[in-house]
Protein backbone atom coordinates (compact mmCIF):
# COMPACT_ATOMS: atom_id res chain seq x y z
CA UNK A 1 12.63 -49.68 140.26
CA UNK A 2 11.08 -48.68 143.22
CA UNK A 3 7.86 -50.42 144.93
CA UNK A 4 5.27 -49.09 147.26
CA UNK A 5 3.89 -51.57 149.62
CA UNK A 6 0.64 -50.18 151.04
CA UNK A 7 -1.70 -51.40 153.79
CA UNK A 8 -4.55 -50.27 155.15
CA UNK A 9 -7.32 -52.10 157.66
CA UNK A 10 -10.18 -53.59 156.47
CA UNK A 11 -13.16 -51.79 157.38
CA UNK A 12 -16.75 -53.82 158.05
CA UNK A 13 -19.11 -52.72 154.50
CA UNK A 14 -21.18 -50.89 157.08
CA UNK A 15 -18.60 -48.04 157.56
CA UNK A 16 -17.62 -47.64 154.25
CA UNK A 17 -17.78 -44.23 153.44
CA UNK A 18 -17.28 -42.08 150.55
CA UNK A 19 -13.63 -41.71 151.43
CA UNK A 20 -13.51 -45.91 150.35
CA UNK A 21 -15.35 -44.48 147.09
CA UNK A 22 -12.61 -42.00 146.30
CA UNK A 23 -10.03 -44.92 147.16
CA UNK A 24 -11.43 -47.39 144.96
CA UNK A 25 -11.72 -44.83 142.24
CA UNK A 26 -7.70 -44.03 142.92
CA UNK A 27 -7.08 -47.93 142.95
CA UNK A 28 -9.00 -48.68 139.66
CA UNK A 29 -7.16 -45.64 138.13
CA UNK A 30 -3.81 -47.22 139.35
CA UNK A 31 -4.65 -50.44 138.18
CA UNK A 32 -5.57 -49.31 134.55
CA UNK A 33 -2.32 -47.03 134.85
CA UNK A 34 -0.12 -50.59 135.25
CA UNK A 35 1.31 -49.02 138.39
CA UNK A 36 -0.74 -51.69 140.95
CA UNK A 37 0.99 -55.30 140.25
CA UNK A 38 -0.36 -56.78 143.27
CA UNK A 39 -3.62 -56.15 145.61
CA UNK A 40 -5.63 -58.11 147.92
CA UNK A 41 -6.23 -58.74 151.57
CA UNK A 42 -3.82 -60.94 154.24
CA UNK A 43 -4.86 -64.18 155.00
CA UNK A 44 -6.73 -62.87 158.07
CA UNK A 45 -8.69 -60.24 155.85
CA UNK A 46 -7.75 -57.61 158.92
CA UNK A 47 -5.93 -55.51 156.33
CA UNK A 48 -5.70 -54.52 152.24
CA UNK A 49 -2.48 -54.59 150.71
CA UNK A 50 -1.37 -53.51 147.43
CA UNK A 51 1.98 -52.88 145.64
CA UNK A 52 2.43 -50.07 143.33
CA UNK A 53 5.88 -49.70 141.10
CA UNK A 54 7.42 -46.79 140.15
CA UNK A 55 10.49 -45.49 138.49
CA UNK A 56 11.94 -43.20 141.66
CA UNK A 57 11.51 -42.66 144.97
CA UNK A 58 9.61 -39.29 144.35
CA UNK A 59 7.28 -40.76 142.23
CA UNK A 60 6.41 -43.47 144.71
CA UNK A 61 6.00 -40.79 147.23
CA UNK A 62 3.80 -38.52 145.07
CA UNK A 63 1.52 -42.06 144.31
CA UNK A 64 1.30 -42.65 147.91
CA UNK A 65 0.24 -38.94 148.66
CA UNK A 66 -2.25 -39.51 145.95
CA UNK A 67 -4.48 -41.85 147.70
CA UNK A 68 -7.25 -40.64 149.32
CA UNK A 69 -7.02 -43.17 152.46
CA UNK A 70 -3.19 -42.30 152.84
CA UNK A 71 -4.17 -38.67 153.11
CA UNK A 72 -6.89 -39.28 155.72
CA UNK A 73 -4.14 -41.44 157.84
CA UNK A 74 -5.82 -44.63 157.07
CA UNK A 75 -2.72 -46.35 155.02
CA UNK A 76 0.77 -47.09 156.33
CA UNK A 77 3.08 -47.91 153.48
CA UNK A 78 6.80 -48.35 152.97
CA UNK A 79 8.89 -47.95 149.91
CA UNK A 80 11.57 -50.46 149.10
CA UNK A 81 13.85 -50.07 145.92
CA UNK A 82 14.10 -53.40 144.41
């Protein structure tokens, strides 16, 4: 199984944009599909972190690329096999 660890800067609420709304829709879809297994803020609340599982590296990369925040350059990610 492959695990995709993504992180993004937490933006102040007054800077939330349509891209955040699109990201939240994407997050909900991933949760409902059982792909996101962990999500939440870091202890310093500077980053949001989430872990996605996928059956292959290619699928993990596809999931990452489908995140609007990744496409906009707001998300950094690392793919791990575990």
